[in-house]
C-alpha atoms as a PDB file:
ATOM      1  CA  MET A   1       8.645 -17.768 -28.978  1.00  0.00           C
ATOM      2  CA  GLU A   2       5.523 -19.213 -26.532  1.00  0.00           C
ATOM      3  CA  ASP A   3       4.868 -16.218 -24.032  1.00  0.00           C
ATOM      4  CA  LEU A   4       6.407 -16.293 -20.796  1.00  0.00           C
ATOM      5  CA  ILE A   5       2.842 -15.003 -18.725  1.00  0.00           C
ATOM      6  CA  ALA A   6       3.506 -13.487 -15.264  1.00  0.00           C
ATOM      7  CA  LYS A   7       0.812 -14.718 -12.024  1.00  0.00           C
ATOM      8  CA  CYS A   8      -0.698 -11.135 -13.091  1.00  0.00           C
ATOM      9  CA  GLY A   9      -0.714 -11.243 -16.227  1.00  0.00           C
ATOM     10  CA  CYS A  10       2.569  -9.482 -17.506  1.00  0.00           C
ATOM     11  CA  ASN A  11       3.805 -11.025 -20.534  1.00  0.00           C
ATOM     12  CA  CYS A  12       7.186 -11.719 -19.635  1.00  0.00           C
ATOM     13  CA  SER A  13       8.549 -12.873 -22.492  1.00  0.00           C
ATOM     14  CA  SER A  14       7.976  -9.408 -24.447  1.00  0.00           C
ATOM     15  CA  CYS A  15       8.901  -7.242 -21.299  1.00  0.00           C
ATOM     16  CA  PRO A  16      12.474  -5.439 -22.093  1.00  0.00           C
ATOM     17  CA  THR A  17      13.998  -6.884 -19.294  1.00  0.00           C
ATOM     18  CA  TYR A  18      13.987 -10.180 -19.847  1.00  0.00           C
ATOM     19  CA  LYS A  19      17.280 -12.077 -20.044  1.00  0.00           C
ATOM     20  CA  GLU A  20      16.497 -12.718 -24.033  1.00  0.00           C
ATOM     21  CA  ASN A  21      15.279  -9.071 -24.833  1.00  0.00           C
ATOM     22  CA  LEU A  22      17.835  -7.061 -22.788  1.00  0.00           C
ATOM     23  CA  GLN A  23      21.537  -8.845 -24.582  1.00  0.00           C
ATOM     24  CA  THR A  24      22.717  -5.093 -26.203  1.00  0.00           C
ATOM     25  CA  ASN A  25      23.892  -1.832 -24.836  1.00  0.00           C
ATOM     26  CA  GLU A  26      20.877  -0.511 -27.445  1.00  0.00           C
ATOM     27  CA  ASN A  27      18.408  -2.535 -25.642  1.00  0.00           C
ATOM     28  CA  ARG A  28      19.091  -1.339 -22.131  1.00  0.00           C
ATOM     29  CA  ILE A  29      19.023   2.400 -23.295  1.00  0.00           C
ATOM     30  CA  ARG A  30      15.878   1.821 -25.468  1.00  0.00           C
ATOM     31  CA  CYS A  31      14.510  -0.247 -22.068  1.00  0.00           C
ATOM     32  CA  SER A  32      15.699   2.746 -19.610  1.00  0.00           C
ATOM     33  CA  SER A  33      13.923   5.833 -21.832  1.00  0.00           C
ATOM     34  CA  GLY A  34      11.035   3.965 -22.665  1.00  0.00           C
ATOM     35  CA  TRP A  35      10.532   3.536 -18.952  1.00  0.00           C
ATOM     36  CA  GLU A  36      11.198   6.732 -18.032  1.00  0.00           C
ATOM     37  CA  LYS A  37       9.301   8.795 -20.565  1.00  0.00           C
ATOM     38  CA  TYR A  38       5.996   6.139 -20.755  1.00  0.00           C
ATOM     39  CA  LEU A  39       5.936   4.479 -17.310  1.00  0.00           C
ATOM     40  CA  ASN A  40       7.680   7.229 -14.757  1.00  0.00           C
ATOM     41  CA  ILE A  41      10.430   4.800 -13.859  1.00  0.00           C
ATOM     42  CA  LYS A  42      13.722   6.018 -13.826  1.00  0.00           C
ATOM     43  CA  LEU A  43      16.528   3.724 -13.900  1.00  0.00           C
ATOM     44  CA  LYS A  44      19.814   3.748 -15.664  1.00  0.00           C
ATOM     45  CA  PRO A  45      20.739   1.352 -18.380  1.00  0.00           C
ATOM     46  CA  GLU A  46      23.232   0.192 -16.384  1.00  0.00           C
ATOM     47  CA  LYS A  47      20.800  -0.518 -13.587  1.00  0.00           C
ATOM     48  CA  LEU A  48      19.015  -2.707 -15.621  1.00  0.00           C
ATOM     49  CA  ARG A  49      19.458  -6.217 -14.560  1.00  0.00           C
ATOM     50  CA  LEU A  50      18.511  -9.617 -16.881  1.00  0.00           C
ATOM     51  CA  CYS A  51      15.376 -11.292 -15.521  1.00  0.00           C
ATOM     52  CA  ASN A  52      14.319 -14.754 -15.844  1.00  0.00           C
ATOM     53  CA  GLY A  53      10.263 -13.827 -15.467  1.00  0.00           C
ATOM     54  CA  CYS A  54       8.124 -14.426 -12.668  1.00  0.00           C
ATOM     55  CA  PRO A  55       6.514 -18.123 -13.882  1.00  0.00           C
ATOM     56  CA  ILE A  56       9.726 -19.759 -12.770  1.00  0.00           C
ATOM     57  CA  PRO A  57       9.794 -21.275  -9.124  1.00  0.00           C
ATOM     58  CA  ASP A  58      11.445 -19.077  -5.897  1.00  0.00           C
ATOM     59  CA  GLU A  59      14.626 -21.114  -6.321  1.00  0.00           C
ATOM     60  CA  ASP A  60      15.563 -20.827  -9.492  1.00  0.00           C
ATOM     61  CA  ARG A  61      14.946 -16.906  -9.991  1.00  0.00           C
ATOM     62  CA  ILE A  62      17.807 -15.314  -9.557  1.00  0.00           C
ATOM     63  CA  VAL A  63      16.300 -11.525 -10.637  1.00  0.00           C
ATOM     64  CA  TYR A  64      13.109 -10.087 -10.090  1.00  0.00           C
ATOM     65  CA  TYR A  65      11.797  -6.242  -9.814  1.00  0.00           C
ATOM     66  CA  LEU A  66       8.836  -6.995  -7.484  1.00  0.00           C
ATOM     67  CA  ASN A  67       8.233  -8.800  -4.107  1.00  0.00           C
ATOM     68  CA  CYS A  68       4.921  -9.266  -5.568  1.00  0.00           C
ATOM     69  CA  ARG A  69       1.829  -9.908  -3.493  1.00  0.00           C
ATOM     70  CA  VAL A  70       0.301 -11.223  -6.245  1.00  0.00           C
ATOM     71  CA  ARG A  71       2.894 -13.812  -7.466  1.00  0.00           C
ATOM     72  CA  LYS A  72       2.704 -14.790  -3.602  1.00  0.00           C
ATOM     73  CA  CYS A  73      -1.071 -15.245  -3.544  1.00  0.00           C
ATOM     74  CA  ALA A  74      -0.945 -17.738  -7.095  1.00  0.00           C
ATOM     75  CA  ILE A  75       1.429 -19.644  -5.860  1.00  0.00           C
ATOM     76  CA  PHE A  76      -0.491 -19.810  -2.166  1.00  0.00           C
ATOM     77  CA  ASN A  77      -3.103 -20.884  -4.565  1.00  0.00           C
ATOM     78  CA  ARG A  78      -1.730 -23.290  -6.589  1.00  0.00           C
ATOM     79  CA  VAL A  79      -2.488 -21.719  -9.535  1.00  0.00           C
ATOM     80  CA  LYS A  80      -0.969 -21.002 -12.853  1.00  0.00           C
ATOM     81  CA  ASN A  81      -2.119 -18.271 -13.109  1.00  0.00           C
ATOM     82  CA  CYS A  82      -4.857 -15.348 -11.539  1.00  0.00           C
ATOM     83  CA  ALA A  83      -6.683 -16.504 -14.897  1.00  0.00           C
ATOM     84  CA  TYR A  84      -7.293 -19.670 -13.134  1.00  0.00           C
ATOM     85  CA  CYS A  85      -8.625 -18.482 -10.096  1.00  0.00           C
ATOM     86  CA  SER A  86     -12.263 -17.777  -9.038  1.00  0.00           C
ATOM     87  CA  ALA A  87     -11.947 -14.991  -7.271  1.00  0.00           C
ATOM     88  CA  PHE A  88     -10.423 -13.274 -11.082  1.00  0.00           C
ATOM     89  CA  PRO A  89     -10.596 -10.068 -11.572  1.00  0.00           C
ATOM     90  CA  CYS A  90      -9.682  -9.175  -7.975  1.00  0.00           C
ATOM     91  CA  HIS A  91      -8.450  -6.125  -6.850  1.00  0.00           C
ATOM     92  CA  ASP A  92      -4.941  -6.911  -6.165  1.00  0.00           C
ATOM     93  CA  VAL A  93      -4.724  -7.836  -9.460  1.00  0.00           C
ATOM     94  CA  ARG A  94      -6.311  -4.964 -11.196  1.00  0.00           C
ATOM     95  CA  ALA A  95      -4.045  -2.477  -8.743  1.00  0.00           C
ATOM     96  CA  VAL A  96      -0.933  -5.064  -8.579  1.00  0.00           C
ATOM     97  CA  HIS A  97       0.748  -1.961 -10.774  1.00  0.00           C
ATOM     98  CA  SER A  98      -0.041   0.920 -12.614  1.00  0.00           C
ATOM     99  CA  ILE A  99      -0.659  -0.312 -15.695  1.00  0.00           C
ATOM    100  CA  GLN A 100      -2.228  -3.646 -15.662  1.00  0.00           C
ATOM    101  CA  GLU A 101      -5.829  -2.322 -16.971  1.00  0.00           C
ATOM    102  CA  SER A 102      -5.843  -2.231 -20.948  1.00  0.00           C
ATOM    103  CA  GLU A 103      -6.831   1.638 -20.961  1.00  0.00           C
ATOM    104  CA  SER A 104      -2.922   2.491 -19.867  1.00  0.00           C
ATOM    105  CA  ARG A 105      -2.323   3.827 -23.232  1.00  0.00           C
ATOM    106  CA  HIS A 106      -4.857   6.059 -23.323  1.00  0.00           C
ATOM    107  CA  THR A 107      -3.983   7.569 -20.550  1.00  0.00           C
ATOM    108  CA  ILE A 108      -0.593   7.708 -21.010  1.00  0.00           C
ATOM    109  CA  GLU A 109      -0.809  10.024 -23.910  1.00  0.00           C
ATOM    110  CA  GLU A 110      -3.548  12.046 -22.241  1.00  0.00           C
ATOM    111  CA  ARG A 111      -0.418  12.644 -19.710  1.00  0.00           C
ATOM    112  CA  ILE A 112       2.588  12.845 -22.732  1.00  0.00           C
ATOM    113  CA  GLY A 113       0.369  14.972 -24.877  1.00  0.00           C
ATOM    114  CA  TYR A 114       0.697  12.939 -28.016  1.00  0.00           C
ATOM    115  CA  ARG A 115       0.097   9.570 -29.636  1.00  0.00           C
ATOM    116  CA  MET A 116       2.697   6.267 -28.590  1.00  0.00           C
ATOM    117  CA  PRO A 117       4.397   4.781 -31.570  1.00  0.00           C
ATOM    118  CA  ASP A 118       2.483   1.133 -31.604  1.00  0.00           C
ATOM    119  CA  LYS A 119       6.440   0.112 -31.592  1.00  0.00           C
ATOM    120  CA  ASP A 120       6.711   1.800 -28.107  1.00  0.00           C
ATOM    121  CA  TYR A 121       2.968   0.754 -27.115  1.00  0.00           C
ATOM    122  CA  LEU A 122       3.912  -2.972 -28.271  1.00  0.00           C
ATOM    123  CA  GLU A 123       7.422  -2.867 -26.865  1.00  0.00           C
ATOM    124  CA  ILE A 124       6.867  -0.752 -23.551  1.00  0.00           C
ATOM    125  CA  VAL A 125       3.679  -0.633 -22.245  1.00  0.00           C
ATOM    126  CA  GLU A 126       1.584  -3.328 -24.101  1.00  0.00           C
ATOM    127  CA  PRO A 127       3.850  -6.389 -21.760  1.00  0.00           C
ATOM    128  CA  TYR A 128       2.338  -5.095 -18.663  1.00  0.00           C
ATOM    129  CA  GLU A 129      -1.174  -4.948 -19.289  1.00  0.00           C
ATOM    130  CA  GLY A 130      -2.006  -7.619 -17.286  1.00  0.00           C
ATOM    131  CA  ILE A 131      -5.544  -7.610 -17.085  1.00  0.00           C
ATOM    132  CA  LYS A 132      -5.914  -7.822 -20.803  1.00  0.00           C
ATOM    133  CA  HIS A 133      -3.689 -10.968 -21.400  1.00  0.00           C
ATOM    134  CA  LEU A 134      -5.703 -12.845 -18.351  1.00  0.00           C
ATOM    135  CA  ILE A 135      -8.788 -11.956 -19.397  1.00  0.00           C
ATOM    136  CA  GLU A 136      -7.678 -13.949 -23.078  1.00  0.00           C
ATOM    137  CA  ILE A 137      -6.825 -16.660 -21.280  1.00  0.00           C
ATOM    138  CA  ARG A 138      -9.826 -17.198 -18.968  1.00  0.00           C
ATOM    139  CA  LYS A 139     -11.750 -17.430 -22.008  1.00  0.00           C
ATOM    140  CA  THR A 140      -9.852 -20.540 -22.953  1.00  0.00           C
ATOM    141  CA  LEU A 141      -9.891 -22.189 -19.844  1.00  0.00           C
ATOM    142  CA  LYS A 142     -12.743 -24.359 -18.618  1.00  0.00           C
ATOM    143  CA  PRO A 143     -14.892 -24.317 -15.408  1.00  0.00           C
ATOM    144  CA  GLU A 144     -13.141 -27.345 -14.204  1.00  0.00           C
ATOM    145  CA  ASP A 145      -9.833 -25.468 -15.186  1.00  0.00           C
ATOM    146  CA  ILE A 146     -10.546 -22.731 -12.298  1.00  0.00           C
ATOM    147  CA  LEU A 147      -9.983 -23.610  -9.136  1.00  0.00           C
ATOM    148  CA  GLU A 148     -11.721 -22.074  -5.735  1.00  0.00           C
ATOM    149  CA  MET A 149      -9.948 -19.137  -4.262  1.00  0.00           C
ATOM    150  CA  ILE A 150      -8.154 -20.168  -1.012  1.00  0.00           C
ATOM    151  CA  PRO A 151      -9.655 -17.706   1.999  1.00  0.00           C
ATOM    152  CA  VAL A 152      -7.440 -16.079   4.195  1.00  0.00           C
ATOM    153  CA  SER A 153      -7.953 -14.721   7.663  1.00  0.00           C
ATOM    154  CA  LYS A 154      -6.500 -11.403   9.223  1.00  0.00           C
ATOM    155  CA  THR A 155      -6.406 -10.758  12.400  1.00  0.00           C
ATOM    156  CA  PRO A 156      -3.361  -8.983  14.168  1.00  0.00           C
ATOM    157  CA  LYS A 157      -2.035 -10.149  17.577  1.00  0.00           C
ATOM    158  CA  THR A 158      -3.301  -7.605  20.201  1.00  0.00           C
ATOM    159  CA  ILE A 159      -3.056  -7.747  23.943  1.00  0.00           C
ATOM    160  CA  PRO A 160      -6.401  -8.066  25.858  1.00  0.00           C
ATOM    161  CA  PHE A 161      -8.339  -4.818  26.705  1.00  0.00           C
ATOM    162  CA  PRO A 162      -6.914  -4.712  30.686  1.00  0.00           C
ATOM    163  CA  GLU A 163     -10.272  -4.516  32.467  1.00  0.00           C
ATOM    164  CA  GLU A 164      -8.709  -4.104  36.228  1.00  0.00           C
ATOM    165  CA  ILE A 165      -7.454  -0.187  34.899  1.00  0.00           C
ATOM    166  CA  SER A 166      -8.149   1.821  38.412  1.00  0.00           C
ATOM    167  CA  ILE A 167      -9.342   5.648  36.863  1.00  0.00           C
ATOM    168  CA  ASN A 168     -12.027   6.865  36.901  1.00  0.00           C
ATOM    169  CA  PRO A 169     -15.294   5.364  34.013  1.00  0.00           C
ATOM    170  CA  LYS A 170     -14.721   8.233  31.439  1.00  0.00           C
ATOM    171  CA  ASN A 171     -10.893   7.309  31.106  1.00  0.00           C
ATOM    172  CA  LYS A 172     -11.602   4.261  30.991  1.00  0.00           C
ATOM    173  CA  SER A 173     -13.816   4.399  28.192  1.00  0.00           C
ATOM    174  CA  ALA A 174     -12.072   6.488  26.533  1.00  0.00           C
ATOM    175  CA  TYR A 175      -8.788   3.869  26.188  1.00  0.00           C
ATOM    176  CA  ARG A 176     -11.535   0.837  25.333  1.00  0.00           C
ATOM    177  CA  GLU A 177     -12.544   2.833  22.688  1.00  0.00           C
ATOM    178  CA  ILE A 178      -8.703   3.154  21.670  1.00  0.00           C
ATOM    179  CA  HIS A 179      -8.217  -0.209  22.098  1.00  0.00           C
ATOM    180  CA  GLN A 180     -10.420  -1.034  19.564  1.00  0.00           C
ATOM    181  CA  LEU A 181      -9.267   1.136  17.262  1.00  0.00           C
ATOM    182  CA  LEU A 182      -6.222  -0.098  17.541  1.00  0.00           C
ATOM    183  CA  SER A 183      -7.455  -4.116  17.659  1.00  0.00           C
ATOM    184  CA  LEU A 184      -9.651  -3.645  14.310  1.00  0.00           C
ATOM    185  CA  ILE A 185      -7.855  -1.886  12.222  1.00  0.00           C
ATOM    186  CA  GLU A 186      -7.757  -3.153   8.911  1.00  0.00           C
ATOM    187  CA  VAL A 187      -9.100  -7.102  10.355  1.00  0.00           C
ATOM    188  CA  ALA A 188     -10.818  -8.999   7.717  1.00  0.00           C
ATOM    189  CA  ASP A 189     -12.082 -12.350   7.050  1.00  0.00           C
ATOM    190  CA  ASN A 190     -12.234 -14.693   3.859  1.00  0.00           C
ATOM    191  CA  VAL A 191     -10.466 -12.185   1.897  1.00  0.00           C
ATOM    192  CA  SER A 192      -7.601 -13.800  -0.660  1.00  0.00           C
ATOM    193  CA  TYR A 193      -3.355 -14.233   0.952  1.00  0.00           C
ATOM    194  CA  ALA A 194      -3.115 -11.452  -1.911  1.00  0.00           C
ATOM    195  CA  ARG A 195      -5.117  -9.490  -0.310  1.00  0.00           C
ATOM    196  CA  SER A 196      -4.440 -10.367   3.597  1.00  0.00           C
ATOM    197  CA  ILE A 197      -0.346  -9.438   2.347  1.00  0.00           C
ATOM    198  CA  GLU A 198      -1.715  -5.610   1.978  1.00  0.00           C
ATOM    199  CA  LEU A 199      -3.831  -5.209   4.807  1.00  0.00           C
ATOM    200  CA  ASP A 200      -0.725  -6.104   6.692  1.00  0.00           C
ATOM    201  CA  LYS A 201       1.323  -3.526   4.967  1.00  0.00           C
ATOM    202  CA  ASN A 202      -1.584  -0.908   5.460  1.00  0.00           C
ATOM    203  CA  ARG A 203      -2.196  -2.137   8.913  1.00  0.00           C
ATOM    204  CA  LYS A 204       1.466  -1.028   9.633  1.00  0.00           C
ATOM    205  CA  GLN A 205       1.134   2.473   8.224  1.00  0.00           C
ATOM    206  CA  LEU A 206      -2.218   3.641   9.662  1.00  0.00           C
ATOM    207  CA  LEU A 207      -0.825   2.285  12.923  1.00  0.00           C
ATOM    208  CA  LYS A 208       2.485   4.339  12.472  1.00  0.00           C
ATOM    209  CA  LEU A 209       0.331   7.244  11.303  1.00  0.00           C
ATOM    210  CA  LEU A 210      -1.509   7.246  14.770  1.00  0.00           C
ATOM    211  CA  TRP A 211       1.054   6.666  16.753  1.00  0.00           C
ATOM    212  CA  THR A 212       2.596  10.238  15.002  1.00  0.00           C
ATOM    213  CA  PHE A 213      -0.234  11.985  15.839  1.00  0.00           C
ATOM    214  CA  GLY A 214      -0.346  10.731  18.783  1.00  0.00           C
ATOM    215  CA  LEU A 215       3.168  11.304  20.375  1.00  0.00           C
ATOM    216  CA  PHE A 216       3.900  14.183  18.241  1.00  0.00           C
ATOM    217  CA  GLY A 217       1.037  15.997  17.339  1.00  0.00           C
ATOM    218  CA  GLU A 218       0.024  19.610  18.961  1.00  0.00           C
ATOM    219  CA  PHE A 219      -3.685  19.103  21.247  1.00  0.00           C
ATOM    220  CA  LYS A 220      -4.685  21.849  22.893  1.00  0.00           C
ATOM    221  CA  LYS A 221      -8.600  21.267  24.738  1.00  0.00           C
ATOM    222  CA  SER A 222      -9.632  24.584  23.386  1.00  0.00           C
ATOM    223  CA  THR A 223      -9.612  23.156  19.734  1.00  0.00           C
ATOM    224  CA  GLU A 224     -11.449  19.531  17.991  1.00  0.00           C
ATOM    225  CA  TYR A 225      -8.088  17.876  16.962  1.00  0.00           C
ATOM    226  CA  ILE A 226      -4.846  17.183  16.780  1.00  0.00           C
ATOM    227  CA  LEU A 227      -2.468  19.234  15.019  1.00  0.00           C
ATOM    228  CA  LEU A 228       0.756  17.518  12.885  1.00  0.00           C
ATOM    229  CA  SER A 229       3.018  19.502  10.920  1.00  0.00           C
ATOM    230  CA  SER A 230       4.805  18.218   7.885  1.00  0.00           C
ATOM    231  CA  GLU A 231       7.562  18.610   9.409  1.00  0.00           C
ATOM    232  CA  GLU A 232       7.084  16.275  12.030  1.00  0.00           C
ATOM    233  CA  TYR A 233       5.234  14.022   9.685  1.00  0.00           C
ATOM    234  CA  SER A 234       7.688  13.784   7.038  1.00  0.00           C
ATOM    235  CA  ALA A 235      10.514  13.191  10.086  1.00  0.00           C
ATOM    236  CA  GLN A 236       8.874   9.609  11.189  1.00  0.00           C
ATOM    237  CA  LYS A 237       9.261   8.597   7.996  1.00  0.00           C
ATOM    238  CA  ASN A 238       5.343   8.106   6.992  1.00  0.00           C
ATOM    239  CA  THR A 239       4.328   7.788   3.210  1.00  0.00           C
ATOM    240  CA  SER A 240       5.864  10.819   0.997  1.00  0.00           C
ATOM    241  CA  TYR A 241       3.007  10.251  -1.183  1.00  0.00           C
ATOM    242  CA  TYR A 242      -0.274  12.644  -1.297  1.00  0.00           C
ATOM    243  CA  SER A 243      -2.310   9.354  -3.108  1.00  0.00           C
ATOM    244  CA  LYS A 244      -1.311   6.995  -0.859  1.00  0.00           C
ATOM    245  CA  LEU A 245      -1.754   9.524   2.044  1.00  0.00           C
ATOM    246  CA  GLN A 246      -5.527   9.959   0.664  1.00  0.00           C
ATOM    247  CA  GLU A 247      -5.876   6.235   0.833  1.00  0.00           C
ATOM    248  CA  TYR A 248      -5.108   5.868   4.652  1.00  0.00           C
ATOM    249  CA  VAL A 249      -7.256   8.960   4.911  1.00  0.00           C
ATOM    250  CA  ALA A 250     -10.196   6.964   3.677  1.00  0.00           C
ATOM    251  CA  VAL A 251      -9.461   3.904   5.732  1.00  0.00           C
ATOM    252  CA  LEU A 252      -9.374   5.545   8.666  1.00  0.00           C
ATOM    253  CA  ALA A 253     -12.240   7.541   8.236  1.00  0.00           C
ATOM    254  CA  LYS A 254     -14.316   3.184   8.209  1.00  0.00           C
ATOM    255  CA  TYR A 255     -13.089   3.504  12.031  1.00  0.00           C
ATOM    256  CA  GLY A 256     -14.168   6.839  12.807  1.00  0.00           C
ATOM    257  CA  LEU A 257     -11.318   9.074  12.030  1.00  0.00           C
ATOM    258  CA  SER A 258     -11.161  12.016  10.228  1.00  0.00           C
ATOM    259  CA  CYS A 259      -8.359  13.519   8.648  1.00  0.00           C
ATOM    260  CA  GLN A 260      -8.016  17.054   6.775  1.00  0.00           C
ATOM    261  CA  PHE A 261      -4.873  17.653   4.651  1.00  0.00           C
ATOM    262  CA  VAL A 262      -4.901  21.738   5.049  1.00  0.00           C
ATOM    263  CA  SER A 263      -2.303  23.328   2.144  1.00  0.00           C
ATOM    264  CA  ILE A 264      -0.097  26.396   3.498  1.00  0.00           C
ATOM    265  CA  ASN A 265       1.776  27.469   0.055  1.00  0.00           C
ATOM    266  CA  ASP A 266      -0.433  25.703  -2.954  1.00  0.00           C
ATOM    267  CA  ASN A 267       2.336  26.074  -5.235  1.00  0.00           C
ATOM    268  CA  LYS A 268       5.238  24.329  -2.494  1.00  0.00           C
ATOM    269  CA  TRP A 269       3.545  21.611  -1.159  1.00  0.00           C
ATOM    270  CA  LEU A 270       3.243  19.199  -3.637  1.00  0.00           C
ATOM    271  CA  THR A 271       6.117  17.705  -6.273  1.00  0.00           C
ATOM    272  CA  LYS A 272       5.914  16.931 -10.064  1.00  0.00           C
ATOM    273  CA  THR A 273       5.832  13.465  -8.810  1.00  0.00           C
ATOM    274  CA  GLY A 274       3.470  13.639  -6.664  1.00  0.00           C
ATOM    275  CA  ALA A 275       5.746  13.732  -3.884  1.00  0.00           C
ATOM    276  CA  LEU A 276       4.572  15.598  -0.560  1.00  0.00           C
ATOM    277  CA  ARG A 277       7.017  18.136   0.401  1.00  0.00           C
ATOM    278  CA  ASN A 278       8.608  18.735   4.166  1.00  0.00           C
ATOM    279  CA  LYS A 279       7.063  22.255   4.592  1.00  0.00           C
ATOM    280  CA  GLY A 280       3.825  23.712   3.259  1.00  0.00           C
ATOM    281  CA  TRP A 281       0.948  21.770   4.758  1.00  0.00           C
ATOM    282  CA  HIS A 282      -0.033  20.221   7.820  1.00  0.00           C
ATOM    283  CA  ILE A 283      -2.809  17.513   8.911  1.00  0.00           C
ATOM    284  CA  LYS A 284      -5.668  17.410  11.384  1.00  0.00           C
ATOM    285  CA  ILE A 285      -7.385  14.397  12.907  1.00  0.00           C
ATOM    286  CA  SER A 286     -10.334  14.638  14.807  1.00  0.00           C
ATOM    287  CA  PHE A 287     -12.837  11.884  16.036  1.00  0.00           C
ATOM    288  CA  GLN A 288     -16.390  11.345  14.691  1.00  0.00           C
ATOM    289  CA  LYS A 289     -17.753  11.407  17.688  1.00  0.00           C
ATOM    290  CA  ARG A 290     -19.023  13.575  20.937  1.00  0.00           C
ATOM    291  CA  THR A 291     -16.684  12.315  22.683  1.00  0.00           C
ATOM    292  CA  ASN A 292     -14.066  13.690  20.930  1.00  0.00           C
ATOM    293  CA  GLN A 293     -12.090  15.562  22.736  1.00  0.00           C
ATOM    294  CA  GLU A 294     -11.637  12.720  25.213  1.00  0.00           C
ATOM    295  CA  LEU A 295     -10.271  10.597  22.611  1.00  0.00           C
ATOM    296  CA  LEU A 296      -7.961  12.807  21.525  1.00  0.00           C
ATOM    297  CA  GLU A 297      -6.258  13.417  24.969  1.00  0.00           C
ATOM    298  CA  THR A 298      -6.272   9.446  25.468  1.00  0.00           C
ATOM    299  CA  LEU A 299      -4.514   8.689  22.344  1.00  0.00           C
ATOM    300  CA  LYS A 300      -2.059  11.852  23.322  1.00  0.00           C
ATOM    301  CA  ASN A 301      -1.404  10.389  26.953  1.00  0.00           C
ATOM    302  CA  TYR A 302      -0.911   7.069  25.691  1.00  0.00           C
ATOM    303  CA  THR A 303       1.417   7.490  23.550  1.00  0.00           C
ATOM    304  CA  ILE A 304       3.034   9.563  25.558  1.00  0.00           C
ATOM    305  CA  LEU A 305       3.208   6.627  28.159  1.00  0.00           C
ATOM    306  CA  LEU A 306       4.584   4.469  26.311  1.00  0.00           C
ATOM    307  CA  ASP A 307       7.378   6.537  24.985  1.00  0.00           C
ATOM    308  CA  ARG A 308       8.286   7.541  28.395  1.00  0.00           C
ATOM    309  CA  LYS A 309       8.359   3.515  29.546  1.00  0.00           C
ATOM    310  CA  TYR A 310       9.657   1.817  26.846  1.00  0.00           C
ATOM    311  CA  ALA A 311      11.459   4.500  24.367  1.00  0.00           C
ATOM    312  CA  LYS A 312      12.529   2.811  21.085  1.00  0.00           C
ATOM    313  CA  ASN A 313      10.316  -0.323  21.819  1.00  0.00           C
ATOM    314  CA  ALA A 314       7.154   1.891  22.163  1.00  0.00           C
ATOM    315  CA  PHE A 315       5.908   1.463  18.795  1.00  0.00           C
ATOM    316  CA  ARG A 316       5.456  -2.631  19.462  1.00  0.00           C
ATOM    317  CA  TYR A 317       3.502  -2.016  22.103  1.00  0.00           C
ATOM    318  CA  PHE A 318       0.906   0.317  20.602  1.00  0.00           C
ATOM    319  CA  SER A 319       0.558  -1.660  17.723  1.00  0.00           C
ATOM    320  CA  LYS A 320      -0.355  -4.647  20.081  1.00  0.00           C
ATOM    321  CA  ALA A 321      -2.658  -2.842  21.763  1.00  0.00           C
ATOM    322  CA  ASP A 322      -1.012  -2.791  25.353  1.00  0.00           C
ATOM    323  CA  MET A 323      -2.370  -1.080  27.637  1.00  0.00           C
ATOM    324  CA  ARG A 324      -1.609  -2.936  31.157  1.00  0.00           C
ATOM    325  CA  ILE A 325       0.733   0.452  31.727  1.00  0.00           C
ATOM    326  CA  VAL A 326      -2.495   2.347  32.546  1.00  0.00           C
ATOM    327  CA  CYS A 327      -2.468   0.050  34.571  1.00  0.00           C
END
């Protein structure tokens, strides 16, 4: 059978859940155990679904496991797969899943502590080494086969800062800085469609994190930070994975915010899979400016004002940086 290559380079025809490879109960057990052992994907054999592959049109797709931004981007750019795109290899195709890169076998073997049987590698891991497959395809292409990526801009709809705010200049300046922060988070020009999808997703999560700090964090004028407990963080359903939280912290640093993660109990704040527990840690947030305290107090006051007036709809106004409530 000819290889059926997904937009991101995964080999659908070799995937253990492809419709022709998942015909027996033995197939299901092997896929389920292999995914758990090598990929940390826990799905019972009876929960596996016959997949008809990424390349077919949306209207013909019956089953798929991921709502993939890379697939959407390839369709947007009208390329057969990412090898045909001028931006290959972009950040998003490299990061679309954890074993996209070809060194995944070595990484997995280090984790499990022994050499993976070749049969397991070829049937469970190699189908998902998309970058390797795309590089092989790219080598066969002529210059005229490669299409220019269609750039897009990601500019969220925010409410302009209300200059008519009748408060003292110092407070007005602080509100303007908070407004600018909320308006600029994850804004970008000339990025790929896949990147725009990820930026939109990140923006929502980052704003939610700031909202949680502002509304539920503890701020005292004698301190230089807002303190957010693990219980409040978890209650607001922020990301439960420490690695993802670290990514968000790195993004916030670009906008002048410092987040310090503090573990209270070194042995109990993180699960074996990298998930944050509900207890045993907290986060401190501060601004990297001399006006740090004013900005922290303004963030706190702004979220409280919105919550008191709009209740369950308050976050929607916050995400639009709508400061007309201050007038």
